[in-house]
């Protein structure tokens, strides 16, 4: 049972990391394309995306 729990936990952590890195990649792409947001707006976008994931 413990092995199953650890496997699920690792899968969840991997999924979370992949999601985070995809957001970071998108942010870098936006910056390179000149699509820049003010800091407050950027944090609001991040908070909104995090809420969507939960």
PDB file of N, CA and C in Angstrom:
ATOM      1  N   UNK A   1       0.828  -1.196   0.000  1.00  0.00           N
ATOM      2  CA  UNK A   1       0.000   0.000   0.000  1.00  0.00           C
ATOM      3  C   UNK A   1       0.867   1.251   0.000  1.00  0.00           C
ATOM      4  N   UNK A   2       1.914   1.252   0.784  1.00  0.00           N
ATOM      5  CA  UNK A   2       2.799   2.416   0.868  1.00  0.00           C
ATOM      6  C   UNK A   2       3.431   2.715  -0.495  1.00  0.00           C
ATOM      7  N   UNK A   3       3.763   1.679  -1.233  1.00  0.00           N
ATOM      8  CA  UNK A   3       4.354   1.860  -2.566  1.00  0.00           C
ATOM      9  C   UNK A   3       3.358   2.568  -3.477  1.00  0.00           C
ATOM     10  N   UNK A   4       2.091   2.179  -3.406  1.00  0.00           N
ATOM     11  CA  UNK A   4       1.059   2.811  -4.236  1.00  0.00           C
ATOM     12  C   UNK A   4       0.904   4.284  -3.882  1.00  0.00           C
ATOM     13  N   UNK A   5       0.903   4.580  -2.599  1.00  0.00           N
ATOM     14  CA  UNK A   5       0.772   5.971  -2.142  1.00  0.00           C
ATOM     15  C   UNK A   5       1.963   6.794  -2.632  1.00  0.00           C
ATOM     16  N   UNK A   6       3.167   6.259  -2.501  1.00  0.00           N
ATOM     17  CA  UNK A   6       4.360   6.980  -2.947  1.00  0.00           C
ATOM     18  C   UNK A   6       4.351   7.183  -4.454  1.00  0.00           C
ATOM     19  N   UNK A   7       3.872   6.193  -5.205  1.00  0.00           N
ATOM     20  CA  UNK A   7       3.805   6.309  -6.656  1.00  0.00           C
ATOM     21  C   UNK A   7       2.840   7.416  -7.062  1.00  0.00           C
ATOM     22  N   UNK A   8       1.688   7.466  -6.418  1.00  0.00           N
ATOM     23  CA  UNK A   8       0.701   8.510  -6.710  1.00  0.00           C
ATOM     24  C   UNK A   8       1.268   9.879  -6.341  1.00  0.00           C
ATOM     25  N   UNK A   9       1.925   9.963  -5.201  1.00  0.00           N
ATOM     26  CA  UNK A   9       2.508  11.233  -4.760  1.00  0.00           C
ATOM     27  C   UNK A   9       3.574  11.709  -5.749  1.00  0.00           C
ATOM     28  N   UNK A  10       4.426  10.799  -6.194  1.00  0.00           N
ATOM     29  CA  UNK A  10       5.471  11.164  -7.159  1.00  0.00           C
ATOM     30  C   UNK A  10       4.861  11.603  -8.483  1.00  0.00           C
ATOM     31  N   UNK A  11       3.801  10.920  -8.914  1.00  0.00           N
ATOM     32  CA  UNK A  11       3.129  11.291 -10.160  1.00  0.00           C
ATOM     33  C   UNK A  11       2.521  12.684 -10.030  1.00  0.00           C
ATOM     34  N   UNK A  12       1.921  12.973  -8.882  1.00  0.00           N
ATOM     35  CA  UNK A  12       1.326  14.296  -8.658  1.00  0.00           C
ATOM     36  C   UNK A  12       2.396  15.379  -8.653  1.00  0.00           C
ATOM     37  N   UNK A  13       3.523  15.108  -7.993  1.00  0.00           N
ATOM     38  CA  UNK A  13       4.615  16.085  -7.956  1.00  0.00           C
ATOM     39  C   UNK A  13       5.181  16.309  -9.359  1.00  0.00           C
ATOM     40  N   UNK A  14       5.324  15.237 -10.126  1.00  0.00           N
ATOM     41  CA  UNK A  14       5.838  15.359 -11.490  1.00  0.00           C
ATOM     42  C   UNK A  14       4.876  16.179 -12.337  1.00  0.00           C
ATOM     43  N   UNK A  15       3.599  15.924 -12.210  1.00  0.00           N
ATOM     44  CA  UNK A  15       2.594  16.670 -12.961  1.00  0.00           C
ATOM     45  C   UNK A  15       2.627  18.148 -12.584  1.00  0.00           C
ATOM     46  N   UNK A  16       2.760  18.442 -11.293  1.00  0.00           N
ATOM     47  CA  UNK A  16       2.831  19.826 -10.826  1.00  0.00           C
ATOM     48  C   UNK A  16       4.067  20.526 -11.392  1.00  0.00           C
ATOM     49  N   UNK A  17       5.197  19.827 -11.403  1.00  0.00           N
ATOM     50  CA  UNK A  17       6.424  20.423 -11.933  1.00  0.00           C
ATOM     51  C   UNK A  17       6.304  20.679 -13.439  1.00  0.00           C
ATOM     52  N   UNK A  18       5.726  19.735 -14.163  1.00  0.00           N
ATOM     53  CA  UNK A  18       5.542  19.913 -15.599  1.00  0.00           C
ATOM     54  C   UNK A  18       4.631  21.099 -15.890  1.00  0.00           C
ATOM     55  N   UNK A  19       3.581  21.254 -15.087  1.00  0.00           N
ATOM     56  CA  UNK A  19       2.668  22.390 -15.250  1.00  0.00           C
ATOM     57  C   UNK A  19       3.395  23.697 -14.977  1.00  0.00           C
ATOM     58  N   UNK A  20       4.162  23.728 -13.887  1.00  0.00           N
ATOM     59  CA  UNK A  20       4.920  24.931 -13.551  1.00  0.00           C
ATOM     60  C   UNK A  20       5.884  25.303 -14.671  1.00  0.00           C
ATOM     61  N   UNK A  21       6.642  24.326 -15.169  1.00  0.00           N
ATOM     62  CA  UNK A  21       7.602  24.603 -16.225  1.00  0.00           C
ATOM     63  C   UNK A  21       6.913  25.037 -17.512  1.00  0.00           C
ATOM     64  N   UNK A  22       5.741  24.518 -17.793  1.00  0.00           N
ATOM     65  CA  UNK A  22       5.027  24.955 -18.990  1.00  0.00           C
ATOM     66  C   UNK A  22       4.603  26.419 -18.856  1.00  0.00           C
ATOM     67  N   UNK A  23       4.191  26.823 -17.636  1.00  0.00           N
ATOM     68  CA  UNK A  23       3.857  28.231 -17.401  1.00  0.00           C
ATOM     69  C   UNK A  23       5.096  29.115 -17.538  1.00  0.00           C
ATOM     70  N   UNK A  24       6.218  28.651 -17.017  1.00  0.00           N
ATOM     71  CA  UNK A  24       7.457  29.424 -17.133  1.00  0.00           C
ATOM     72  C   UNK A  24       7.876  29.555 -18.598  1.00  0.00           C
ATOM     73  N   UNK A  25       7.761  28.474 -19.356  1.00  0.00           N
ATOM     74  CA  UNK A  25       8.079  28.514 -20.786  1.00  0.00           C
ATOM     75  C   UNK A  25       7.186  29.524 -21.507  1.00  0.00           C
ATOM     76  N   UNK A  26       5.900  29.508 -21.180  1.00  0.00           N
ATOM     77  CA  UNK A  26       4.964  30.456 -21.797  1.00  0.00           C
ATOM     78  C   UNK A  26       5.353  31.878 -21.434  1.00  0.00           C
ATOM     79  N   UNK A  27       5.724  32.100 -20.184  1.00  0.00           N
ATOM     80  CA  UNK A  27       6.133  33.440 -19.758  1.00  0.00           C
ATOM     81  C   UNK A  27       7.370  33.913 -20.504  1.00  0.00           C
ATOM     82  N   UNK A  28       8.325  33.031 -20.699  1.00  0.00           N
ATOM     83  CA  UNK A  28       9.534  33.386 -21.446  1.00  0.00           C
ATOM     84  C   UNK A  28       9.177  33.698 -22.891  1.00  0.00           C
ATOM     85  N   UNK A  29       8.314  32.872 -23.487  1.00  0.00           N
ATOM     86  CA  UNK A  29       7.872  33.135 -24.869  1.00  0.00           C
ATOM     87  C   UNK A  29       7.184  34.492 -24.978  1.00  0.00           C
ATOM     88  N   UNK A  30       6.343  34.814 -23.996  1.00  0.00           N
ATOM     89  CA  UNK A  30       5.654  36.114 -23.996  1.00  0.00           C
ATOM     90  C   UNK A  30       6.649  37.262 -23.897  1.00  0.00           C
ATOM     91  N   UNK A  31       7.634  37.114 -23.018  1.00  0.00           N
ATOM     92  CA  UNK A  31       8.636  38.175 -22.867  1.00  0.00           C
ATOM     93  C   UNK A  31       9.418  38.367 -24.164  1.00  0.00           C
ATOM     94  N   UNK A  32       9.820  37.267 -24.790  1.00  0.00           N
ATOM     95  CA  UNK A  32      10.582  37.359 -26.036  1.00  0.00           C
ATOM     96  C   UNK A  32       9.766  37.987 -27.147  1.00  0.00           C
ATOM     97  N   UNK A  33       8.445  37.797 -27.099  1.00  0.00           N
ATOM     98  CA  UNK A  33       7.570  38.367 -28.123  1.00  0.00           C
ATOM     99  C   UNK A  33       7.141  39.790 -27.782  1.00  0.00           C
ATOM    100  N   UNK A  34       7.612  40.304 -26.636  1.00  0.00           N
ATOM    101  CA  UNK A  34       7.277  41.674 -26.249  1.00  0.00           C
ATOM    102  C   UNK A  34       5.953  41.802 -25.524  1.00  0.00           C
ATOM    103  N   UNK A  35       5.346  40.685 -25.168  1.00  0.00           N
ATOM    104  CA  UNK A  35       4.090  40.730 -24.407  1.00  0.00           C
ATOM    105  C   UNK A  35       4.453  40.715 -22.924  1.00  0.00           C
ATOM    106  N   UNK A  36       4.549  41.891 -22.343  1.00  0.00           N
ATOM    107  CA  UNK A  36       5.006  42.017 -20.961  1.00  0.00           C
ATOM    108  C   UNK A  36       3.869  42.585 -20.117  1.00  0.00           C
ATOM    109  N   UNK A  37       3.726  42.057 -18.898  1.00  0.00           N
ATOM    110  CA  UNK A  37       2.701  42.517 -17.961  1.00  0.00           C
ATOM    111  C   UNK A  37       3.374  43.199 -16.780  1.00  0.00           C
ATOM    112  N   UNK A  38       2.661  44.129 -16.176  1.00  0.00           N
ATOM    113  CA  UNK A  38       3.126  44.735 -14.930  1.00  0.00           C
ATOM    114  C   UNK A  38       3.183  43.638 -13.867  1.00  0.00           C
ATOM    115  N   UNK A  39       3.999  43.830 -12.854  1.00  0.00           N
ATOM    116  CA  UNK A  39       4.197  42.805 -11.823  1.00  0.00           C
ATOM    117  C   UNK A  39       2.878  42.411 -11.172  1.00  0.00           C
ATOM    118  N   UNK A  40       2.068  43.382 -10.798  1.00  0.00           N
ATOM    119  CA  UNK A  40       0.786  43.076 -10.154  1.00  0.00           C
ATOM    120  C   UNK A  40      -0.103  42.235 -11.056  1.00  0.00           C
ATOM    121  N   UNK A  41      -0.148  42.594 -12.326  1.00  0.00           N
ATOM    122  CA  UNK A  41      -0.957  41.848 -13.289  1.00  0.00           C
ATOM    123  C   UNK A  41      -0.402  40.433 -13.472  1.00  0.00           C
ATOM    124  N   UNK A  42       0.915  40.306 -13.535  1.00  0.00           N
ATOM    125  CA  UNK A  42       1.536  38.986 -13.698  1.00  0.00           C
ATOM    126  C   UNK A  42       1.201  38.081 -12.519  1.00  0.00           C
ATOM    127  N   UNK A  43       1.275  38.607 -11.298  1.00  0.00           N
ATOM    128  CA  UNK A  43       0.950  37.796 -10.129  1.00  0.00           C
ATOM    129  C   UNK A  43      -0.529  37.416 -10.122  1.00  0.00           C
ATOM    130  N   UNK A  44      -1.388  38.307 -10.590  1.00  0.00           N
ATOM    131  CA  UNK A  44      -2.814  37.981 -10.655  1.00  0.00           C
ATOM    132  C   UNK A  44      -3.058  36.868 -11.667  1.00  0.00           C
ATOM    133  N   UNK A  45      -2.377  36.909 -12.788  1.00  0.00           N
ATOM    134  CA  UNK A  45      -2.497  35.849 -13.791  1.00  0.00           C
ATOM    135  C   UNK A  45      -2.056  34.514 -13.195  1.00  0.00           C
ATOM    136  N   UNK A  46      -0.942  34.527 -12.472  1.00  0.00           N
ATOM    137  CA  UNK A  46      -0.439  33.298 -11.842  1.00  0.00           C
ATOM    138  C   UNK A  46      -1.445  32.769 -10.823  1.00  0.00           C
ATOM    139  N   UNK A  47      -1.982  33.652  -9.975  1.00  0.00           N
ATOM    140  CA  UNK A  47      -2.962  33.227  -8.984  1.00  0.00           C
ATOM    141  C   UNK A  47      -4.186  32.624  -9.649  1.00  0.00           C
ATOM    142  N   UNK A  48      -4.663  33.259 -10.725  1.00  0.00           N
ATOM    143  CA  UNK A  48      -5.825  32.751 -11.441  1.00  0.00           C
ATOM    144  C   UNK A  48      -5.559  31.360 -12.020  1.00  0.00           C
ATOM    145  N   UNK A  49      -4.376  31.180 -12.610  1.00  0.00           N
ATOM    146  CA  UNK A  49      -4.036  29.876 -13.193  1.00  0.00           C
ATOM    147  C   UNK A  49      -3.918  28.814 -12.107  1.00  0.00           C
ATOM    148  N   UNK A  50      -3.369  29.185 -10.962  1.00  0.00           N
ATOM    149  CA  UNK A  50      -3.247  28.223  -9.867  1.00  0.00           C
ATOM    150  C   UNK A  50      -4.629  27.811  -9.376  1.00  0.00           C
ATOM    151  N   UNK A  51      -5.556  28.745  -9.288  1.00  0.00           N
ATOM    152  CA  UNK A  51      -6.912  28.428  -8.857  1.00  0.00           C
ATOM    153  C   UNK A  51      -7.585  27.486  -9.855  1.00  0.00           C
ATOM    154  N   UNK A  52      -7.335  27.707 -11.145  1.00  0.00           N
ATOM    155  CA  UNK A  52      -7.897  26.843 -12.183  1.00  0.00           C
ATOM    156  C   UNK A  52      -7.390  25.415 -12.062  1.00  0.00           C
ATOM    157  N   UNK A  53      -6.134  25.262 -11.608  1.00  0.00           N
ATOM    158  CA  UNK A  53      -5.523  23.937 -11.473  1.00  0.00           C
ATOM    159  C   UNK A  53      -6.064  23.190 -10.261  1.00  0.00           C
ATOM    160  N   UNK A  54      -6.511  23.912  -9.243  1.00  0.00           N
ATOM    161  CA  UNK A  54      -6.997  23.263  -8.014  1.00  0.00           C
ATOM    162  C   UNK A  54      -8.418  22.909  -8.187  1.00  0.00           C
TER     163      UNK A  54
END
